[in-house]
Amino acid sequence: MSVISWFLCFLKPAIGSKHIITPIKHKHFLVLIGVVQGEAMQLKYGLVALSVMATLVLAGGTTAQAKSNEKPETKPTEVYVTVMPGDNLSVIAATHETSYIRLFNANEAITNPDLIYADQQLRVPRADEQLPDRLSQMTVEQQSQIIAAAGTTAQYAPAAGSTARGSSAGNTYAWGYCTWWAKEMRPDLPNRLGNGGQWVANAALQGIATGTVARAGAIAEQPGHVAYVESVSPDGGTVNLSEMNYGGGIGQVHRRSAPASSFRYIY
């Protein structure tokens, strides 16, 4: 039974069978007009009933309107980029306002943050996305395997055809990244040593001493990252580091302790 039919059944006993009830529905309210032999009649219970019915109809209209205004939830759009020749994680991260660490953590297909390939598809994580810290979860053995795969050795010495040492004037690295912080802490080192993960090899080519023994004041390098060694534990097994673009994001100085054997060093 419709709402109007129900109302008429309720109202009819109160006004008698001779009266004509004309329902008129107008948008969100109901109007009832009663006529007796061409004259307007005054309903005994009409005002109360009309008030109840108008409330019902209005409530129904409001609910329907609220439902129609509800917007379906939409999933965030995933952003993918294609690696171009000459790209590295730092360049891609700067373009998409993220960090190379977050790019590495978001793409399990990357096993070495220093090795990405042209035409490779990488997913750019959302700014609020929680990601596993894959780099920190790497064991010393895994990091050693990455270093070996990159063709590096434990101790670097200047090669016969080593390059001339670059200028150390100023700091030409992108502000807020690990390389910028390392250069700030070691202003004596040349600019353009490359991305994090390439510094030790490039420093050795320029005749700068490098090795695997931790020393305070050295630059510590692991795959895709460089940091500054603030101090070393008495037994030499732990380094205390300061760094940027690691735990706190771009421009945030982060401090941590880590096994000294996880790094190679520039002295």
Protein backbone atom coordinates (compact mmCIF):
# COMPACT_ATOMS: atom_id res chain seq x y z
CA MET A 1 0.00 0.00 0.00
CA SER A 2 1.35 3.46 -0.90
CA VAL A 3 1.83 6.18 1.70
CA ILE A 4 -1.02 8.23 0.21
CA SER A 5 -3.44 5.27 0.21
CA TRP A 6 -2.60 4.55 3.84
CA PHE A 7 -3.26 8.15 4.77
CA LEU A 8 -6.62 8.21 3.01
CA CYS A 9 -7.69 5.07 4.90
CA PHE A 10 -6.73 6.79 8.13
CA LEU A 11 -8.48 10.05 7.33
CA LYS A 12 -11.75 8.79 5.78
CA PRO A 13 -13.50 7.66 9.01
CA ALA A 14 -12.91 11.08 10.52
CA ILE A 15 -14.59 13.08 7.77
CA GLY A 16 -17.30 10.77 6.48
CA SER A 17 -17.80 8.98 3.20
CA LYS A 18 -19.48 11.96 1.48
CA HIS A 19 -16.41 14.08 1.52
CA ILE A 20 -14.07 14.05 -1.42
CA ILE A 21 -10.35 13.84 -0.57
CA THR A 22 -7.93 14.90 -3.27
CA PRO A 23 -4.25 14.08 -2.57
CA ILE A 24 -1.66 16.26 -4.26
CA LYS A 25 2.03 15.31 -3.90
CA HIS A 26 4.41 18.20 -4.43
CA LYS A 27 8.13 17.34 -4.34
CA HIS A 28 8.87 16.63 -0.65
CA PHE A 29 5.44 17.31 0.95
CA LEU A 30 1.86 16.16 0.69
CA VAL A 31 -1.19 18.41 0.36
CA LEU A 32 -4.73 17.12 0.95
CA ILE A 33 -7.72 19.13 -0.26
CA GLY A 34 -11.16 18.21 1.04
CA VAL A 35 -14.37 19.42 -0.67
CA VAL A 36 -18.00 18.90 0.46
CA GLN A 37 -20.68 19.86 -2.14
CA GLY A 38 -18.44 22.63 -3.56
CA GLU A 39 -17.58 24.18 -0.18
CA ALA A 40 -14.30 24.00 1.63
CA MET A 41 -14.52 21.75 4.64
CA GLN A 42 -12.52 21.87 7.84
CA LEU A 43 -11.13 18.49 8.75
CA LYS A 44 -11.40 17.48 12.32
CA TYR A 45 -8.24 15.45 12.36
CA GLY A 46 -6.76 16.63 9.09
CA LEU A 47 -4.16 19.02 10.49
CA VAL A 48 -2.66 16.44 12.82
CA ALA A 49 -2.66 13.76 10.16
CA LEU A 50 -1.23 16.12 7.57
CA SER A 51 1.57 17.10 9.93
CA VAL A 52 2.47 13.45 10.54
CA MET A 53 2.38 12.58 6.86
CA ALA A 54 4.38 15.65 5.81
CA THR A 55 7.06 14.67 8.31
CA LEU A 56 7.16 11.14 6.92
CA VAL A 57 7.40 12.31 3.34
CA LEU A 58 10.00 14.96 4.15
CA ALA A 59 12.10 12.43 6.04
CA GLY A 60 11.88 10.03 3.13
CA GLY A 61 12.91 12.74 0.67
CA THR A 62 15.85 13.86 2.82
CA THR A 63 17.11 10.29 3.19
CA ALA A 64 16.86 9.66 -0.53
CA GLN A 65 18.66 12.91 -1.27
CA ALA A 66 21.44 12.05 1.19
CA LYS A 67 21.92 8.66 -0.45
CA SER A 68 22.10 10.25 -3.86
CA ASN A 69 24.81 12.65 -2.62
CA GLU A 70 27.02 9.83 -1.32
CA LYS A 71 30.12 9.39 -3.46
CA PRO A 72 31.59 5.94 -3.97
CA GLU A 73 35.05 5.38 -2.53
CA THR A 74 37.80 5.52 -5.10
CA LYS A 75 41.14 3.76 -4.83
CA PRO A 76 44.28 5.90 -5.21
CA THR A 77 45.75 5.77 -8.69
CA GLU A 78 49.03 3.90 -8.90
CA VAL A 79 51.87 5.81 -10.59
CA TYR A 80 54.40 3.89 -12.69
CA VAL A 81 57.43 5.23 -14.51
CA THR A 82 59.57 3.72 -17.24
CA VAL A 83 63.30 3.85 -16.63
CA MET A 84 65.07 5.78 -19.38
CA PRO A 85 68.73 5.36 -20.39
CA GLY A 86 70.89 7.26 -17.89
CA ASP A 87 68.25 7.24 -15.13
CA ASN A 88 68.97 6.24 -11.56
CA LEU A 89 66.78 6.02 -8.47
CA SER A 90 67.87 9.45 -7.20
CA VAL A 91 66.89 11.17 -10.46
CA ILE A 92 63.51 9.41 -10.60
CA ALA A 93 62.89 10.15 -6.91
CA ALA A 94 63.62 13.87 -7.34
CA THR A 95 61.25 14.06 -10.32
CA HIS A 96 58.39 12.47 -8.36
CA GLU A 97 59.07 14.18 -5.00
CA THR A 98 60.01 11.04 -3.11
CA SER A 99 63.30 9.42 -2.02
CA TYR A 100 65.38 6.72 -3.64
CA ILE A 101 65.00 4.66 -0.45
CA ARG A 102 61.20 4.70 -0.82
CA LEU A 103 61.48 3.77 -4.50
CA PHE A 104 63.73 0.87 -3.58
CA ASN A 105 61.41 -0.25 -0.78
CA ALA A 106 58.34 -0.07 -3.04
CA ASN A 107 59.83 -2.18 -5.85
CA GLU A 108 60.83 -5.68 -4.82
CA ALA A 109 62.10 -6.35 -8.33
CA ILE A 110 65.05 -4.05 -7.54
CA THR A 111 67.66 -6.14 -5.74
CA ASN A 112 70.43 -3.55 -5.93
CA PRO A 113 69.52 0.15 -5.62
CA ASP A 114 72.49 1.00 -7.83
CA LEU A 115 71.29 -1.21 -10.68
CA ILE A 116 68.15 -0.38 -12.65
CA TYR A 117 67.64 -0.97 -16.33
CA ALA A 118 66.23 0.96 -19.27
CA ASP A 119 62.54 0.15 -19.96
CA GLN A 120 62.12 -1.24 -16.44
CA GLN A 121 58.76 -0.35 -14.86
CA LEU A 122 58.95 1.15 -11.37
CA ARG A 123 56.06 2.01 -9.06
CA VAL A 124 56.19 5.38 -7.32
CA PRO A 125 54.84 4.99 -3.76
CA ARG A 126 52.25 7.40 -2.38
CA ALA A 127 53.50 9.94 0.14
CA ASP A 128 51.38 8.40 2.94
CA GLU A 129 52.12 4.78 2.01
CA GLN A 130 53.73 2.59 4.67
CA LEU A 131 56.60 0.59 3.19
CA PRO A 132 58.90 -2.12 4.55
CA ASP A 133 62.46 -0.96 5.21
CA ARG A 134 64.08 -3.38 2.76
CA LEU A 135 67.51 -1.77 2.83
CA SER A 136 67.84 -2.03 6.61
CA GLN A 137 66.52 -5.60 6.51
CA MET A 138 69.36 -6.71 4.23
CA THR A 139 71.83 -8.89 6.02
CA VAL A 140 75.55 -8.20 5.87
CA GLU A 141 75.88 -11.24 3.62
CA GLN A 142 73.27 -9.89 1.18
CA GLN A 143 74.99 -6.51 1.07
CA SER A 144 78.31 -8.21 0.44
CA GLN A 145 76.77 -10.12 -2.46
CA ILE A 146 75.47 -6.87 -3.95
CA ILE A 147 78.90 -5.31 -3.65
CA ALA A 148 80.49 -8.34 -5.30
CA ALA A 149 77.93 -8.29 -8.12
CA ALA A 150 78.81 -4.67 -8.79
CA GLY A 151 82.40 -5.70 -9.40
CA THR A 152 83.92 -3.98 -6.39
CA THR A 153 86.61 -5.24 -4.04
CA ALA A 154 87.31 -4.85 -0.35
CA GLN A 155 90.17 -2.40 -0.70
CA TYR A 156 90.45 0.29 -3.35
CA ALA A 157 93.72 1.71 -4.63
CA PRO A 158 94.27 4.34 -7.32
CA ALA A 159 94.21 2.65 -10.73
CA ALA A 160 96.94 3.20 -13.30
CA GLY A 161 94.59 5.33 -15.38
CA SER A 162 92.96 7.15 -12.47
CA THR A 163 91.12 10.36 -13.16
CA ALA A 164 92.11 13.80 -11.93
CA ARG A 165 90.61 14.84 -8.63
CA GLY A 166 87.54 17.00 -9.03
CA SER A 167 86.90 20.36 -7.43
CA SER A 168 85.82 20.40 -3.80
CA ALA A 169 84.57 24.00 -3.89
CA GLY A 170 81.07 24.38 -2.48
CA ASN A 171 78.47 21.63 -2.49
CA THR A 172 76.90 20.87 -5.87
CA TYR A 173 74.82 17.91 -4.73
CA ALA A 174 71.03 18.17 -4.52
CA TRP A 175 70.02 19.57 -1.16
CA GLY A 176 68.44 17.15 1.28
CA TYR A 177 69.86 13.95 -0.20
CA CYS A 178 72.41 11.65 1.40
CA THR A 179 75.15 12.86 -0.94
CA TRP A 180 74.52 16.49 0.00
CA TRP A 181 74.84 15.69 3.71
CA ALA A 182 78.01 13.63 3.18
CA LYS A 183 79.61 16.52 1.27
CA GLU A 184 78.56 18.98 4.00
CA MET A 185 80.27 16.82 6.60
CA ARG A 186 83.32 16.27 4.41
CA PRO A 187 83.86 19.52 2.48
CA ASP A 188 87.34 18.32 1.50
CA LEU A 189 85.89 15.67 -0.81
CA PRO A 190 85.34 16.50 -4.48
CA ASN A 191 81.93 17.15 -6.00
CA ARG A 192 80.43 14.81 -8.56
CA LEU A 193 81.43 11.53 -6.95
CA GLY A 194 78.17 10.18 -8.27
CA ASN A 195 75.12 8.76 -6.56
CA GLY A 196 75.16 7.02 -3.22
CA GLY A 197 76.69 3.61 -3.85
CA GLN A 198 79.18 4.97 -6.40
CA TRP A 199 81.29 7.18 -4.15
CA VAL A 200 83.90 4.66 -3.00
CA ALA A 201 84.77 3.48 -6.50
CA ASN A 202 84.91 7.03 -7.89
CA ALA A 203 86.92 8.29 -4.91
CA ALA A 204 89.46 5.49 -5.43
CA LEU A 205 89.81 6.45 -9.09
CA GLN A 206 90.68 9.98 -7.97
CA GLY A 207 93.39 8.75 -5.62
CA ILE A 208 91.41 9.09 -2.38
CA ALA A 209 92.05 6.42 0.25
CA THR A 210 89.23 3.93 0.76
CA GLY A 211 88.78 0.66 2.60
CA THR A 212 86.63 -1.54 4.82
CA VAL A 213 87.87 -0.49 8.27
CA ALA A 214 85.57 1.96 10.02
CA ARG A 215 87.01 5.28 11.17
CA ALA A 216 85.43 8.33 12.74
CA GLY A 217 85.08 11.09 10.17
CA ALA A 218 84.94 8.70 7.23
CA ILE A 219 82.16 8.47 4.69
CA ALA A 220 80.33 5.14 4.98
CA GLU A 221 78.81 3.66 1.85
CA GLN A 222 76.38 0.82 1.31
CA PRO A 223 74.38 -0.02 -1.82
CA GLY A 224 72.58 3.17 -2.88
CA HIS A 225 73.51 5.27 0.15
CA VAL A 226 76.27 7.27 1.86
CA ALA A 227 76.46 8.50 5.45
CA TYR A 228 78.90 10.21 7.77
CA VAL A 229 80.65 8.23 10.54
CA GLU A 230 80.28 10.23 13.74
CA SER A 231 82.07 7.67 15.89
CA VAL A 232 83.09 4.02 16.11
CA SER A 233 82.59 1.67 19.04
CA PRO A 234 85.74 0.71 21.02
CA ASP A 235 85.74 -2.79 19.54
CA GLY A 236 85.34 -1.40 16.02
CA GLY A 237 82.22 -3.44 15.38
CA THR A 238 79.63 -0.63 15.35
CA VAL A 239 79.49 2.72 13.61
CA ASN A 240 77.35 5.65 14.72
CA LEU A 241 76.09 7.47 11.65
CA SER A 242 74.43 10.72 10.67
CA GLU A 243 72.71 10.92 7.28
CA MET A 244 69.94 12.46 5.21
CA ASN A 245 67.18 10.98 3.10
CA TYR A 246 67.16 7.72 4.99
CA GLY A 247 64.86 7.34 7.98
CA GLY A 248 63.36 10.83 8.04
CA GLY A 249 63.03 11.66 4.36
CA ILE A 250 64.56 14.42 2.24
CA GLY A 251 66.27 17.15 4.26
CA GLN A 252 65.84 15.32 7.59
CA VAL A 253 68.98 14.39 9.52
CA HIS A 254 68.74 10.81 10.73
CA ARG A 255 71.05 9.10 13.23
CA ARG A 256 71.53 5.40 13.79
CA SER A 257 74.02 2.71 14.77
CA ALA A 258 74.87 -0.14 12.40
CA PRO A 259 77.38 -2.98 12.01
CA ALA A 260 80.67 -1.56 10.74
CA SER A 261 81.04 -4.51 8.36
CA SER A 262 77.95 -3.37 6.42
CA PHE A 263 79.88 -0.49 4.80
CA ARG A 264 82.85 0.52 2.72
CA TYR A 265 84.60 3.73 3.66
CA ILE A 266 86.20 6.86 2.20
CA TYR A 267 88.91 8.27 4.46
